Amino acid sequence: MSRGKIEGGIFNAGQPISEVLLRNLCQPFSRGKIKPGQQGLGLGFFIAAKIAKAHSGELAISYNDEATCFTLTIPLG
């Protein structure tokens, strides 16, 4: 928590996420490579971004060749 805002992040050091998928994550029904038996609608990031925006916050993505980090920031008060 920093001055006037709360921030949380998820760090993924697994398989890199393609730039195409990263650009489209805020779109509804956006999904990456689907594995057999993998469930989901591709709405999680879309909904999380809408919730952040509704609270005057943001959901950001930063990445490099080794990891991807998703950060949620919401102002306090």
Protein backbone atom coordinates (compact mmCIF):
# COMPACT_ATOMS: atom_id res chain seq x y z
CA MET A 1 0.00 0.00 0.00
CA SER A 2 1.41 3.36 -0.93
CA ARG A 3 0.20 6.88 -0.20
CA GLY A 4 -3.42 7.21 -1.29
CA LYS A 5 -3.73 3.92 -3.11
CA ILE A 6 -3.66 0.18 -2.67
CA GLU A 7 -1.77 -1.96 -5.13
CA GLY A 8 -1.53 -5.71 -5.60
CA GLY A 9 0.17 -7.80 -8.21
CA ILE A 10 0.42 -11.29 -9.61
CA PHE A 11 3.76 -12.36 -11.02
CA ASN A 12 3.88 -15.17 -13.62
CA ALA A 13 7.33 -16.59 -14.32
CA GLY A 14 5.88 -19.42 -16.38
CA GLN A 15 5.51 -19.68 -20.12
CA PRO A 16 5.52 -16.21 -21.76
CA ILE A 17 2.21 -14.75 -22.90
CA SER A 18 2.18 -13.71 -26.55
CA GLU A 19 2.06 -10.00 -27.38
CA VAL A 20 -1.13 -10.58 -29.40
CA LEU A 21 -2.88 -12.10 -26.38
CA LEU A 22 -1.56 -9.38 -24.05
CA ARG A 23 -2.96 -6.67 -26.34
CA ASN A 24 -6.37 -8.37 -26.36
CA LEU A 25 -6.70 -9.39 -22.70
CA CYS A 26 -9.11 -6.53 -21.93
CA GLN A 27 -11.44 -7.73 -24.67
CA PRO A 28 -14.29 -10.05 -23.66
CA PHE A 29 -13.86 -13.73 -24.58
CA SER A 30 -10.12 -13.33 -25.19
CA ARG A 31 -8.36 -16.64 -24.51
CA GLY A 32 -4.91 -17.95 -25.15
CA LYS A 33 -3.93 -21.40 -26.29
CA ILE A 34 -6.55 -23.76 -24.90
CA LYS A 35 -5.41 -27.10 -23.49
CA PRO A 36 -7.68 -30.18 -23.40
CA GLY A 37 -9.96 -30.02 -20.37
CA GLN A 38 -9.17 -26.35 -19.73
CA GLN A 39 -12.31 -24.42 -18.88
CA GLY A 40 -13.06 -20.72 -18.98
CA LEU A 41 -14.81 -18.08 -21.03
CA GLY A 42 -12.05 -15.51 -21.41
CA LEU A 43 -13.85 -12.99 -19.22
CA GLY A 44 -11.67 -12.86 -16.09
CA PHE A 45 -9.28 -10.08 -17.07
CA PHE A 46 -12.06 -8.17 -18.84
CA ILE A 47 -14.23 -8.21 -15.69
CA ALA A 48 -11.29 -7.37 -13.40
CA ALA A 49 -10.39 -4.36 -15.57
CA LYS A 50 -14.02 -3.14 -15.47
CA ILE A 51 -14.12 -3.47 -11.67
CA ALA A 52 -10.84 -1.54 -11.37
CA LYS A 53 -12.16 1.21 -13.64
CA ALA A 54 -15.43 1.41 -11.67
CA HIS A 55 -13.30 2.20 -8.59
CA SER A 56 -11.18 4.79 -10.46
CA GLY A 57 -8.30 2.33 -10.60
CA GLU A 58 -6.51 0.37 -13.25
CA LEU A 59 -5.35 -3.13 -14.09
CA ALA A 60 -1.97 -3.01 -15.79
CA ILE A 61 0.29 -5.57 -17.45
CA SER A 62 4.07 -5.41 -17.59
CA TYR A 63 6.23 -8.10 -19.15
CA ASN A 64 9.61 -9.12 -20.48
CA ASP A 65 11.07 -12.36 -21.86
CA GLU A 66 11.16 -13.95 -18.41
CA ALA A 67 7.91 -12.99 -16.70
CA THR A 68 4.55 -11.22 -16.81
CA CYS A 69 3.17 -9.10 -13.97
CA PHE A 70 -0.47 -8.09 -13.57
CA THR A 71 -0.96 -5.15 -11.20
CA LEU A 72 -4.24 -3.84 -9.77
CA THR A 73 -4.15 -0.27 -8.40
CA ILE A 74 -7.14 1.36 -6.67
CA PRO A 75 -7.13 4.80 -4.98
CA LEU A 76 -8.13 4.94 -1.32
CA GLY A 77 -10.90 7.15 -0.06
